[in-house]
């Protein structure tokens, strides 16, 4: 089953679309963090939503190099637009745009754009392994974060609200499962089983990574 809309997107078109999407996505993510009710606000504050944006762009772009370049541009523009919106609408000092924190997020955005842009472009790859890994990566991120929230709940993180952690874990798990089901439409039973195995393995690795970073 093909998810790609078209392979005839020019590189220039991909970059222009990436700039436009990033300029919108960054401020929307900030608005979601500030104004959305919990636990929905946690989704906007999650790395998974940024990964999903890059992944979706990769699916749209189709060709791997265009997907990677475009997703990187989109993520970097989104970070800059996020902080500019913070200055414009929340009164933050303009220096925040070039702060160390902003630069860290730019670097992370470059990494996320490269990895998840390529993953999105790989959902219809001719290589069985690249297709399985590409398809599994985004659902694995949601499931990894769900697992991380469960672990935080079990260890009673003093800085978090337990009920909020449970609700966030359920939301992330549902998104992970729904994303995987959608991506596996039209696949053979063998392909579904293979991708599910890869997803669970990657989710376990991701949960361990979250634990290390949080610890």
N, C-alpha and C. Protein backbone atom coordinates (compact mmCIF):
# COMPACT_ATOMS: atom_id res chain seq x y z
N UNK A 1 0.84 -1.20 0.00
CA UNK A 1 0.00 0.00 0.00
C UNK A 1 0.88 1.25 0.00
N UNK A 2 0.58 2.19 -0.85
CA UNK A 2 1.40 3.39 -0.95
C UNK A 2 0.81 4.52 -0.12
N UNK A 3 1.67 5.17 0.67
CA UNK A 3 1.25 6.31 1.48
C UNK A 3 1.69 7.62 0.84
N UNK A 4 2.63 7.57 -0.10
CA UNK A 4 3.18 8.79 -0.65
C UNK A 4 2.19 9.45 -1.61
N UNK A 5 2.03 10.73 -1.46
CA UNK A 5 1.11 11.47 -2.31
C UNK A 5 1.70 11.61 -3.72
N UNK A 6 2.97 11.93 -3.81
CA UNK A 6 3.60 12.12 -5.10
C UNK A 6 5.10 12.14 -4.93
N UNK A 7 5.80 11.62 -5.93
CA UNK A 7 7.25 11.69 -5.92
C UNK A 7 7.74 12.86 -6.76
N UNK A 8 6.84 13.69 -7.26
CA UNK A 8 7.23 14.74 -8.18
C UNK A 8 7.35 16.10 -7.49
N UNK A 9 7.46 16.09 -6.18
CA UNK A 9 7.70 17.34 -5.48
C UNK A 9 9.14 17.77 -5.75
N UNK A 10 9.34 18.97 -6.23
CA UNK A 10 10.70 19.45 -6.44
C UNK A 10 11.35 19.78 -5.10
N UNK A 11 12.67 19.82 -5.10
CA UNK A 11 13.39 20.15 -3.88
C UNK A 11 13.00 21.54 -3.39
N UNK A 12 12.89 22.48 -4.31
CA UNK A 12 12.51 23.85 -3.93
C UNK A 12 11.12 23.86 -3.30
N UNK A 13 10.19 23.14 -3.89
CA UNK A 13 8.84 23.10 -3.33
C UNK A 13 8.86 22.49 -1.93
N UNK A 14 9.64 21.44 -1.75
CA UNK A 14 9.72 20.80 -0.44
C UNK A 14 10.26 21.78 0.60
N UNK A 15 11.27 22.56 0.23
CA UNK A 15 11.85 23.51 1.16
C UNK A 15 10.86 24.62 1.50
N UNK A 16 10.16 25.13 0.49
CA UNK A 16 9.18 26.19 0.72
C UNK A 16 8.04 25.71 1.61
N UNK A 17 7.56 24.50 1.34
CA UNK A 17 6.51 23.93 2.19
C UNK A 17 7.02 23.73 3.61
N UNK A 18 8.28 23.27 3.73
CA UNK A 18 8.87 23.06 5.05
C UNK A 18 8.95 24.35 5.85
N UNK A 19 9.35 25.43 5.19
CA UNK A 19 9.43 26.73 5.87
C UNK A 19 8.04 27.16 6.34
N UNK A 20 7.05 27.03 5.48
CA UNK A 20 5.69 27.43 5.84
C UNK A 20 5.16 26.59 7.00
N UNK A 21 5.37 25.28 6.93
CA UNK A 21 4.88 24.41 7.99
C UNK A 21 5.58 24.70 9.31
N UNK A 22 6.90 24.91 9.25
CA UNK A 22 7.64 25.21 10.47
C UNK A 22 7.19 26.50 11.11
N UNK A 23 6.92 27.52 10.28
CA UNK A 23 6.48 28.82 10.79
C UNK A 23 5.14 28.73 11.50
N UNK A 24 4.32 27.76 11.10
CA UNK A 24 3.01 27.56 11.73
C UNK A 24 3.12 26.60 12.92
N UNK A 25 3.90 25.55 12.75
CA UNK A 25 3.97 24.50 13.76
C UNK A 25 4.56 24.99 15.08
N UNK A 26 5.65 25.77 15.00
CA UNK A 26 6.29 26.24 16.23
C UNK A 26 5.35 27.02 17.14
N UNK A 27 4.70 28.08 16.64
CA UNK A 27 3.75 28.83 17.49
C UNK A 27 2.56 27.99 17.95
N UNK A 28 2.07 27.10 17.10
CA UNK A 28 0.96 26.24 17.52
C UNK A 28 1.37 25.32 18.66
N UNK A 29 2.59 24.81 18.61
CA UNK A 29 3.07 23.95 19.69
C UNK A 29 3.17 24.73 20.99
N UNK A 30 3.67 25.96 20.91
CA UNK A 30 3.73 26.81 22.11
C UNK A 30 2.34 27.08 22.65
N UNK A 31 1.39 27.39 21.77
CA UNK A 31 0.02 27.66 22.21
C UNK A 31 -0.59 26.44 22.88
N UNK A 32 -0.30 25.25 22.34
CA UNK A 32 -0.82 24.03 22.94
C UNK A 32 -0.25 23.80 24.32
N UNK A 33 1.03 24.06 24.49
CA UNK A 33 1.65 23.90 25.81
C UNK A 33 1.04 24.84 26.84
N UNK A 34 0.75 26.05 26.39
CA UNK A 34 0.29 27.09 27.33
C UNK A 34 -1.22 27.00 27.61
N UNK A 35 -2.00 26.72 26.56
CA UNK A 35 -3.45 26.86 26.69
C UNK A 35 -4.23 25.54 26.72
N UNK A 36 -3.66 24.46 26.21
CA UNK A 36 -4.41 23.20 26.18
C UNK A 36 -4.56 22.63 27.59
N UNK A 37 -5.69 21.99 27.87
CA UNK A 37 -5.86 21.38 29.20
C UNK A 37 -4.99 20.14 29.34
N UNK A 38 -4.68 19.79 30.57
CA UNK A 38 -3.93 18.56 30.82
C UNK A 38 -4.89 17.38 30.73
N UNK A 39 -4.43 16.22 30.19
CA UNK A 39 -3.04 15.92 29.81
C UNK A 39 -2.68 16.30 28.38
N UNK A 40 -3.61 16.91 27.63
CA UNK A 40 -3.32 17.24 26.24
C UNK A 40 -2.11 18.15 26.11
N UNK A 41 -1.93 19.05 27.07
CA UNK A 41 -0.78 19.95 27.02
C UNK A 41 0.54 19.18 27.04
N UNK A 42 0.54 18.02 27.68
CA UNK A 42 1.76 17.21 27.71
C UNK A 42 2.14 16.70 26.33
N UNK A 43 1.15 16.52 25.46
CA UNK A 43 1.45 16.08 24.11
C UNK A 43 2.23 17.17 23.37
N UNK A 44 1.80 18.42 23.52
CA UNK A 44 2.50 19.53 22.86
C UNK A 44 3.89 19.73 23.45
N UNK A 45 4.08 19.29 24.68
CA UNK A 45 5.37 19.43 25.34
C UNK A 45 6.23 18.19 25.16
N UNK A 46 5.83 17.32 24.25
CA UNK A 46 6.49 16.03 24.07
C UNK A 46 7.38 16.02 22.83
N UNK A 47 8.53 15.38 22.90
CA UNK A 47 9.37 15.21 21.70
C UNK A 47 8.64 14.43 20.61
N UNK A 48 7.66 13.59 21.02
CA UNK A 48 6.97 12.75 20.05
C UNK A 48 6.21 13.58 19.01
N UNK A 49 5.64 14.72 19.42
CA UNK A 49 4.87 15.51 18.47
C UNK A 49 5.79 16.15 17.43
N UNK A 50 7.00 16.51 17.83
CA UNK A 50 7.98 17.03 16.88
C UNK A 50 8.46 15.93 15.94
N UNK A 51 8.62 14.73 16.49
CA UNK A 51 8.98 13.59 15.65
C UNK A 51 7.89 13.29 14.65
N UNK A 52 6.63 13.38 15.10
CA UNK A 52 5.49 13.12 14.21
C UNK A 52 5.45 14.12 13.06
N UNK A 53 5.77 15.38 13.35
CA UNK A 53 5.77 16.40 12.30
C UNK A 53 6.80 16.07 11.23
N UNK A 54 8.00 15.70 11.65
CA UNK A 54 9.06 15.34 10.70
C UNK A 54 8.70 14.08 9.92
N UNK A 55 8.12 13.12 10.61
CA UNK A 55 7.71 11.87 9.98
C UNK A 55 6.65 12.12 8.91
N UNK A 56 5.64 12.92 9.27
CA UNK A 56 4.58 13.23 8.32
C UNK A 56 5.12 13.95 7.09
N UNK A 57 6.08 14.84 7.31
CA UNK A 57 6.69 15.53 6.17
C UNK A 57 7.42 14.52 5.29
N UNK A 58 8.10 13.57 5.91
CA UNK A 58 8.82 12.56 5.14
C UNK A 58 7.89 11.71 4.29
N UNK A 59 6.74 11.36 4.84
CA UNK A 59 5.75 10.60 4.07
C UNK A 59 5.29 11.41 2.87
N UNK A 60 5.04 12.69 3.08
CA UNK A 60 4.58 13.56 1.99
C UNK A 60 5.66 13.74 0.93
N UNK A 61 6.89 13.98 1.36
CA UNK A 61 7.97 14.26 0.42
C UNK A 61 8.34 13.04 -0.42
N UNK A 62 8.29 11.87 0.19
CA UNK A 62 8.53 10.64 -0.54
C UNK A 62 9.98 10.29 -0.75
N UNK A 63 10.71 11.05 -1.54
CA UNK A 63 12.11 10.77 -1.80
C UNK A 63 12.95 11.09 -0.57
N UNK A 64 13.86 10.19 -0.24
CA UNK A 64 14.55 10.28 1.05
C UNK A 64 15.30 11.58 1.23
N UNK A 65 16.12 12.00 0.26
CA UNK A 65 16.92 13.19 0.43
C UNK A 65 16.05 14.43 0.59
N UNK A 66 15.01 14.54 -0.21
CA UNK A 66 14.10 15.68 -0.08
C UNK A 66 13.37 15.63 1.25
N UNK A 67 13.02 14.44 1.69
CA UNK A 67 12.34 14.29 2.97
C UNK A 67 13.23 14.74 4.11
N UNK A 68 14.49 14.33 4.07
CA UNK A 68 15.42 14.68 5.14
C UNK A 68 15.69 16.19 5.16
N UNK A 69 16.03 16.74 3.99
CA UNK A 69 16.33 18.17 3.92
C UNK A 69 15.11 19.00 4.35
N UNK A 70 13.95 18.65 3.81
CA UNK A 70 12.75 19.39 4.14
C UNK A 70 12.37 19.28 5.61
N UNK A 71 12.48 18.08 6.17
CA UNK A 71 12.12 17.89 7.58
C UNK A 71 13.07 18.65 8.50
N UNK A 72 14.35 18.68 8.14
CA UNK A 72 15.31 19.45 8.93
C UNK A 72 14.96 20.94 8.88
N UNK A 73 14.70 21.44 7.69
CA UNK A 73 14.32 22.85 7.55
C UNK A 73 13.08 23.15 8.36
N UNK A 74 12.08 22.29 8.27
CA UNK A 74 10.84 22.51 9.00
C UNK A 74 11.07 22.55 10.51
N UNK A 75 11.87 21.61 11.02
CA UNK A 75 12.12 21.55 12.46
C UNK A 75 12.88 22.79 12.95
N UNK A 76 13.90 23.20 12.20
CA UNK A 76 14.69 24.36 12.61
C UNK A 76 13.83 25.63 12.57
N UNK A 77 13.07 25.81 11.51
CA UNK A 77 12.18 26.97 11.41
C UNK A 77 11.15 26.93 12.55
N UNK A 78 10.66 25.75 12.87
CA UNK A 78 9.67 25.63 13.94
C UNK A 78 10.25 26.04 15.28
N UNK A 79 11.51 25.67 15.55
CA UNK A 79 12.14 26.07 16.81
C UNK A 79 12.27 27.58 16.89
N UNK A 80 12.77 28.19 15.81
CA UNK A 80 12.92 29.64 15.79
C UNK A 80 11.55 30.32 15.93
N UNK A 81 10.55 29.82 15.21
CA UNK A 81 9.21 30.41 15.28
C UNK A 81 8.60 30.24 16.66
N UNK A 82 8.89 29.13 17.31
CA UNK A 82 8.42 28.87 18.68
C UNK A 82 8.91 29.97 19.63
N UNK A 83 10.22 30.25 19.57
CA UNK A 83 10.78 31.25 20.47
C UNK A 83 10.39 32.67 20.08
N UNK A 84 10.25 32.93 18.79
CA UNK A 84 9.77 34.24 18.37
C UNK A 84 8.34 34.48 18.86
N UNK A 85 7.52 33.43 18.81
CA UNK A 85 6.16 33.54 19.32
C UNK A 85 6.17 33.78 20.83
N UNK A 86 7.12 33.16 21.52
CA UNK A 86 7.25 33.37 22.96
C UNK A 86 7.59 34.83 23.26
N UNK A 87 8.41 35.42 22.40
CA UNK A 87 8.76 36.84 22.55
C UNK A 87 7.56 37.72 22.23
N UNK A 88 6.88 37.41 21.13
CA UNK A 88 5.79 38.26 20.65
C UNK A 88 4.55 38.21 21.52
N UNK A 89 4.21 37.01 22.01
CA UNK A 89 2.92 36.84 22.70
C UNK A 89 3.02 36.65 24.21
N UNK A 90 4.23 36.34 24.69
CA UNK A 90 4.35 36.09 26.13
C UNK A 90 5.36 37.01 26.79
N UNK A 91 5.91 37.93 26.00
CA UNK A 91 6.78 38.95 26.57
C UNK A 91 8.17 38.51 26.95
N UNK A 92 8.63 37.38 26.45
CA UNK A 92 9.99 36.92 26.76
C UNK A 92 11.01 37.84 26.11
N UNK A 93 12.19 37.89 26.68
CA UNK A 93 13.26 38.69 26.12
C UNK A 93 13.71 38.11 24.78
N UNK A 94 13.99 38.98 23.81
CA UNK A 94 14.34 38.53 22.47
C UNK A 94 15.61 37.68 22.47
N UNK A 95 16.42 37.81 23.50
CA UNK A 95 17.66 37.02 23.57
C UNK A 95 17.38 35.53 23.66
N UNK A 96 16.15 35.17 24.03
CA UNK A 96 15.81 33.75 24.16
C UNK A 96 15.92 33.03 22.81
N UNK A 97 15.77 33.79 21.72
CA UNK A 97 15.82 33.18 20.38
C UNK A 97 17.19 32.60 20.08
N UNK A 98 18.24 33.21 20.66
CA UNK A 98 19.60 32.71 20.42
C UNK A 98 20.23 32.17 21.71
N UNK A 99 19.39 31.80 22.66
CA UNK A 99 19.88 31.27 23.92
C UNK A 99 20.45 29.86 23.74
N UNK A 100 21.17 29.40 24.75
CA UNK A 100 21.74 28.04 24.70
C UNK A 100 20.63 27.00 24.58
N UNK A 101 19.52 27.25 25.29
CA UNK A 101 18.40 26.31 25.22
C UNK A 101 17.85 26.22 23.80
N UNK A 102 17.68 27.39 23.16
CA UNK A 102 17.18 27.41 21.79
C UNK A 102 18.14 26.68 20.85
N UNK A 103 19.43 26.88 21.04
CA UNK A 103 20.41 26.23 20.17
C UNK A 103 20.41 24.71 20.37
N UNK A 104 20.20 24.29 21.61
CA UNK A 104 20.10 22.85 21.86
C UNK A 104 18.91 22.26 21.10
N UNK A 105 17.78 22.98 21.13
CA UNK A 105 16.59 22.51 20.42
C UNK A 105 16.78 22.55 18.90
N UNK A 106 17.56 23.50 18.42
CA UNK A 106 17.87 23.52 16.99
C UNK A 106 18.65 22.27 16.61
N UNK A 107 19.65 21.94 17.42
CA UNK A 107 20.45 20.73 17.15
C UNK A 107 19.57 19.49 17.21
N UNK A 108 18.71 19.42 18.23
CA UNK A 108 17.80 18.28 18.34
C UNK A 108 16.83 18.24 17.16
N UNK A 109 16.40 19.42 16.71
CA UNK A 109 15.51 19.48 15.56
C UNK A 109 16.17 18.97 14.30
N UNK A 110 17.45 19.27 14.13
CA UNK A 110 18.19 18.77 12.98
C UNK A 110 18.24 17.25 13.02
N UNK A 111 18.53 16.71 14.22
CA UNK A 111 18.57 15.26 14.36
C UNK A 111 17.23 14.61 14.12
N UNK A 112 16.18 15.20 14.71
CA UNK A 112 14.84 14.66 14.55
C UNK A 112 14.39 14.74 13.10
N UNK A 113 14.70 15.86 12.44
CA UNK A 113 14.32 16.00 11.04
C UNK A 113 14.98 14.96 10.16
N UNK A 114 16.27 14.74 10.40
CA UNK A 114 17.00 13.76 9.60
C UNK A 114 16.48 12.34 9.82
N UNK A 115 16.29 11.97 11.08
CA UNK A 115 15.90 10.59 11.41
C UNK A 115 14.45 10.32 11.02
N UNK A 116 13.55 11.19 11.46
CA UNK A 116 12.13 10.92 11.23
C UNK A 116 11.67 11.31 9.83
N UNK A 117 12.35 12.28 9.22
CA UNK A 117 12.07 12.55 7.82
C UNK A 117 12.41 11.35 6.96
N UNK A 118 13.58 10.75 7.22
CA UNK A 118 13.98 9.54 6.49
C UNK A 118 13.04 8.39 6.78
N UNK A 119 12.58 8.27 8.03
CA UNK A 119 11.66 7.19 8.40
C UNK A 119 10.35 7.32 7.65
N UNK A 120 9.83 8.54 7.58
CA UNK A 120 8.58 8.75 6.85
C UNK A 120 8.72 8.39 5.38
N UNK A 121 9.87 8.74 4.80
CA UNK A 121 10.10 8.42 3.38
C UNK A 121 10.28 6.93 3.15
N UNK A 122 10.58 6.18 4.22
CA UNK A 122 10.86 4.74 4.08
C UNK A 122 9.64 3.85 4.23
N UNK A 123 8.46 4.42 4.50
CA UNK A 123 7.31 3.56 4.75
C UNK A 123 6.91 2.73 3.53
N UNK A 124 7.33 3.15 2.35
CA UNK A 124 7.07 2.38 1.13
C UNK A 124 8.37 1.93 0.46
N UNK A 125 9.45 1.88 1.22
CA UNK A 125 10.75 1.52 0.65
C UNK A 125 10.73 0.09 0.11
N UNK A 126 11.50 -0.14 -0.94
CA UNK A 126 11.56 -1.49 -1.51
C UNK A 126 12.28 -2.46 -0.60
N UNK A 127 13.17 -1.96 0.23
CA UNK A 127 13.88 -2.82 1.18
C UNK A 127 12.95 -3.20 2.33
N UNK A 128 12.81 -4.48 2.59
CA UNK A 128 11.92 -4.94 3.65
C UNK A 128 12.32 -4.39 5.01
N UNK A 129 13.62 -4.41 5.29
CA UNK A 129 14.08 -3.96 6.59
C UNK A 129 13.91 -2.45 6.76
N UNK A 130 14.29 -1.66 5.73
CA UNK A 130 14.11 -0.21 5.83
C UNK A 130 12.64 0.14 5.97
N UNK A 131 11.78 -0.58 5.26
CA UNK A 131 10.34 -0.33 5.35
C UNK A 131 9.83 -0.63 6.76
N UNK A 132 10.28 -1.73 7.34
CA UNK A 132 9.82 -2.10 8.68
C UNK A 132 10.31 -1.10 9.72
N UNK A 133 11.58 -0.72 9.63
CA UNK A 133 12.15 0.23 10.60
C UNK A 133 11.50 1.60 10.45
N UNK A 134 11.35 2.05 9.20
CA UNK A 134 10.73 3.35 8.96
C UNK A 134 9.31 3.40 9.48
N UNK A 135 8.55 2.34 9.24
CA UNK A 135 7.16 2.30 9.69
C UNK A 135 7.07 2.23 11.21
N UNK A 136 8.01 1.53 11.82
CA UNK A 136 7.95 1.29 13.26
C UNK A 136 8.41 2.48 14.10
N UNK A 137 9.21 3.36 13.53
CA UNK A 137 9.90 4.35 14.35
C UNK A 137 8.96 5.30 15.08
N UNK A 138 7.99 5.88 14.38
CA UNK A 138 7.10 6.83 15.05
C UNK A 138 6.21 6.17 16.10
N UNK A 139 5.53 5.05 15.80
CA UNK A 139 4.76 4.39 16.85
C UNK A 139 5.63 4.03 18.05
N UNK A 140 6.89 3.64 17.79
CA UNK A 140 7.79 3.27 18.88
C UNK A 140 8.07 4.45 19.80
N UNK A 141 8.18 5.64 19.23
CA UNK A 141 8.43 6.83 20.05
C UNK A 141 7.25 7.10 20.98
N UNK A 142 6.04 7.01 20.46
CA UNK A 142 4.86 7.20 21.30
C UNK A 142 4.79 6.14 22.41
N UNK A 143 5.06 4.89 22.05
CA UNK A 143 5.00 3.82 23.04
C UNK A 143 6.12 3.95 24.06
N UNK A 144 7.29 4.40 23.62
CA UNK A 144 8.40 4.59 24.55
C UNK A 144 8.07 5.67 25.57
N UNK A 145 7.46 6.74 25.09
CA UNK A 145 7.11 7.81 26.02
C UNK A 145 5.99 7.37 26.97
N UNK A 146 5.06 6.56 26.46
CA UNK A 146 4.02 6.01 27.34
C UNK A 146 4.65 5.16 28.44
N UNK A 147 5.61 4.33 28.07
CA UNK A 147 6.30 3.50 29.06
C UNK A 147 7.04 4.36 30.09
N UNK A 148 7.64 5.43 29.59
CA UNK A 148 8.37 6.33 30.49
C UNK A 148 7.43 6.96 31.52
N UNK A 149 6.23 7.35 31.07
CA UNK A 149 5.27 7.94 31.99
C UNK A 149 4.80 6.92 33.04
N UNK A 150 4.65 5.67 32.62
CA UNK A 150 4.26 4.61 33.56
C UNK A 150 5.36 4.41 34.61
N UNK A 151 6.61 4.39 34.15
CA UNK A 151 7.72 4.22 35.08
C UNK A 151 7.78 5.38 36.07
N UNK A 152 7.57 6.59 35.57
CA UNK A 152 7.55 7.75 36.47
C UNK A 152 6.43 7.63 37.50
N UNK A 153 5.28 7.11 37.07
CA UNK A 153 4.15 6.94 37.99
C UNK A 153 4.50 5.91 39.06
N UNK A 154 5.12 4.81 38.65
CA UNK A 154 5.46 3.75 39.58
C UNK A 154 6.52 4.18 40.59
N UNK A 155 7.39 5.07 40.15
CA UNK A 155 8.44 5.56 41.05
C UNK A 155 8.01 6.80 41.81
N UNK A 156 6.74 7.24 41.58
CA UNK A 156 6.15 8.39 42.28
C UNK A 156 7.06 9.61 42.20
N UNK A 157 7.22 10.09 41.01
CA UNK A 157 8.01 11.29 40.77
C UNK A 157 7.43 12.44 41.59
N UNK A 158 8.20 13.00 42.52
CA UNK A 158 7.66 14.05 43.40
C UNK A 158 7.32 15.34 42.68
N UNK A 159 7.86 15.53 41.47
CA UNK A 159 7.60 16.77 40.73
C UNK A 159 6.42 16.65 39.77
N UNK A 160 5.74 15.52 39.79
CA UNK A 160 4.66 15.30 38.83
C UNK A 160 3.38 14.88 39.54
N UNK A 161 2.28 15.11 38.86
CA UNK A 161 0.98 14.69 39.39
C UNK A 161 0.71 13.27 38.91
N UNK A 162 0.57 12.30 39.81
CA UNK A 162 0.40 10.90 39.40
C UNK A 162 -0.74 10.68 38.41
N UNK A 163 -1.89 11.29 38.66
CA UNK A 163 -3.02 11.11 37.76
C UNK A 163 -2.71 11.64 36.37
N UNK A 164 -1.98 12.76 36.32
CA UNK A 164 -1.58 13.35 35.05
C UNK A 164 -0.66 12.41 34.30
N UNK A 165 0.23 11.74 35.02
CA UNK A 165 1.16 10.80 34.38
C UNK A 165 0.40 9.63 33.77
N UNK A 166 -0.58 9.11 34.47
CA UNK A 166 -1.37 8.00 33.96
C UNK A 166 -2.13 8.42 32.70
N UNK A 167 -2.77 9.58 32.75
CA UNK A 167 -3.52 10.06 31.60
C UNK A 167 -2.60 10.28 30.39
N UNK A 168 -1.41 10.81 30.65
CA UNK A 168 -0.46 11.04 29.56
C UNK A 168 0.00 9.71 28.97
N UNK A 169 0.26 8.74 29.83
CA UNK A 169 0.69 7.42 29.35
C UNK A 169 -0.37 6.78 28.47
N UNK A 170 -1.62 6.86 28.89
CA UNK A 170 -2.71 6.29 28.10
C UNK A 170 -2.82 7.00 26.76
N UNK A 171 -2.73 8.34 26.76
CA UNK A 171 -2.81 9.10 25.53
C UNK A 171 -1.69 8.72 24.57
N UNK A 172 -0.47 8.61 25.08
CA UNK A 172 0.66 8.26 24.23
C UNK A 172 0.53 6.84 23.68
N UNK A 173 0.06 5.93 24.52
CA UNK A 173 -0.10 4.54 24.08
C UNK A 173 -1.16 4.43 22.99
N UNK A 174 -2.25 5.15 23.16
CA UNK A 174 -3.32 5.14 22.14
C UNK A 174 -2.82 5.72 20.82
N UNK A 175 -2.07 6.82 20.90
CA UNK A 175 -1.52 7.42 19.69
C UNK A 175 -0.53 6.47 19.01
N UNK A 176 0.29 5.80 19.81
CA UNK A 176 1.24 4.85 19.24
C UNK A 176 0.54 3.70 18.54
N UNK A 177 -0.46 3.14 19.20
CA UNK A 177 -1.20 2.02 18.61
C UNK A 177 -1.96 2.46 17.36
N UNK A 178 -2.61 3.63 17.44
CA UNK A 178 -3.38 4.11 16.30
C UNK A 178 -2.47 4.39 15.10
N UNK A 179 -1.30 4.98 15.36
CA UNK A 179 -0.35 5.27 14.28
C UNK A 179 0.13 3.98 13.63
N UNK A 180 0.44 2.98 14.45
CA UNK A 180 0.91 1.71 13.91
C UNK A 180 -0.17 1.03 13.08
N UNK A 181 -1.39 1.02 13.58
CA UNK A 181 -2.50 0.40 12.84
C UNK A 181 -2.70 1.09 11.50
N UNK A 182 -2.65 2.42 11.51
CA UNK A 182 -2.84 3.16 10.26
C UNK A 182 -1.73 2.86 9.26
N UNK A 183 -0.50 2.82 9.73
CA UNK A 183 0.63 2.58 8.84
C UNK A 183 0.66 1.15 8.29
N UNK A 184 0.05 0.23 9.02
CA UNK A 184 0.09 -1.18 8.60
C UNK A 184 -1.09 -1.57 7.72
N UNK A 185 -1.93 -0.62 7.39
CA UNK A 185 -3.05 -0.93 6.50
C UNK A 185 -2.52 -1.44 5.16
N UNK A 186 -3.11 -2.51 4.67
CA UNK A 186 -2.72 -3.05 3.38
C UNK A 186 -1.49 -3.93 3.39
N UNK A 187 -0.84 -4.09 4.55
CA UNK A 187 0.34 -4.94 4.64
C UNK A 187 -0.08 -6.39 4.85
N UNK A 188 0.79 -7.29 4.48
CA UNK A 188 0.52 -8.72 4.68
C UNK A 188 0.66 -9.07 6.16
N UNK A 189 0.08 -10.19 6.60
CA UNK A 189 0.24 -10.60 8.00
C UNK A 189 1.70 -10.72 8.41
N UNK A 190 2.54 -11.23 7.52
CA UNK A 190 3.96 -11.37 7.84
C UNK A 190 4.61 -10.01 8.02
N UNK A 191 4.28 -9.07 7.16
CA UNK A 191 4.83 -7.72 7.29
C UNK A 191 4.35 -7.05 8.57
N UNK A 192 3.09 -7.27 8.90
CA UNK A 192 2.57 -6.67 10.13
C UNK A 192 3.28 -7.25 11.35
N UNK A 193 3.47 -8.56 11.37
CA UNK A 193 4.14 -9.20 12.50
C UNK A 193 5.58 -8.70 12.63
N UNK A 194 6.26 -8.59 11.50
CA UNK A 194 7.64 -8.13 11.51
C UNK A 194 7.73 -6.69 12.02
N UNK A 195 6.85 -5.83 11.52
CA UNK A 195 6.88 -4.43 11.93
C UNK A 195 6.50 -4.27 13.39
N UNK A 196 5.55 -5.07 13.85
CA UNK A 196 5.17 -5.02 15.26
C UNK A 196 6.35 -5.40 16.15
N UNK A 197 7.09 -6.43 15.76
CA UNK A 197 8.26 -6.83 16.53
C UNK A 197 9.30 -5.73 16.58
N UNK A 198 9.55 -5.11 15.44
CA UNK A 198 10.51 -4.01 15.39
C UNK A 198 10.03 -2.85 16.25
N UNK A 199 8.74 -2.55 16.20
CA UNK A 199 8.17 -1.45 16.99
C UNK A 199 8.37 -1.67 18.47
N UNK A 200 8.06 -2.87 18.94
CA UNK A 200 8.20 -3.16 20.37
C UNK A 200 9.65 -3.12 20.82
N UNK A 201 10.55 -3.62 19.97
CA UNK A 201 11.97 -3.58 20.31
C UNK A 201 12.47 -2.14 20.39
N UNK A 202 12.08 -1.34 19.42
CA UNK A 202 12.51 0.06 19.42
C UNK A 202 11.88 0.84 20.56
N UNK A 203 10.63 0.50 20.91
CA UNK A 203 9.98 1.16 22.03
C UNK A 203 10.70 0.86 23.34
N UNK A 204 11.17 -0.37 23.49
CA UNK A 204 11.91 -0.75 24.70
C UNK A 204 13.22 0.03 24.78
N UNK A 205 13.91 0.15 23.65
CA UNK A 205 15.16 0.92 23.63
C UNK A 205 14.88 2.39 23.92
N UNK A 206 13.80 2.91 23.34
CA UNK A 206 13.44 4.30 23.57
C UNK A 206 13.08 4.57 25.02
N UNK A 207 12.35 3.64 25.66
CA UNK A 207 11.98 3.81 27.06
C UNK A 207 13.23 3.84 27.93
N UNK A 208 14.20 2.99 27.60
CA UNK A 208 15.46 3.00 28.35
C UNK A 208 16.19 4.33 28.16
N UNK A 209 16.13 4.85 26.92
CA UNK A 209 16.75 6.15 26.66
C UNK A 209 16.11 7.26 27.44
N UNK A 210 14.76 7.26 27.49
CA UNK A 210 14.05 8.27 28.29
C UNK A 210 14.47 8.19 29.75
N UNK A 211 14.61 6.96 30.26
CA UNK A 211 14.97 6.77 31.66
C UNK A 211 16.36 7.32 31.95
N UNK A 212 17.28 7.09 31.02
CA UNK A 212 18.65 7.58 31.20
C UNK A 212 18.68 9.11 31.16
N UNK A 213 17.99 9.70 30.19
CA UNK A 213 17.98 11.15 30.07
C UNK A 213 17.30 11.82 31.26
N UNK A 214 16.26 11.16 31.78
CA UNK A 214 15.52 11.73 32.90
C UNK A 214 16.24 11.51 34.22
N UNK A 215 17.12 10.49 34.25
CA UNK A 215 17.78 10.15 35.48
C UNK A 215 19.02 10.94 35.77
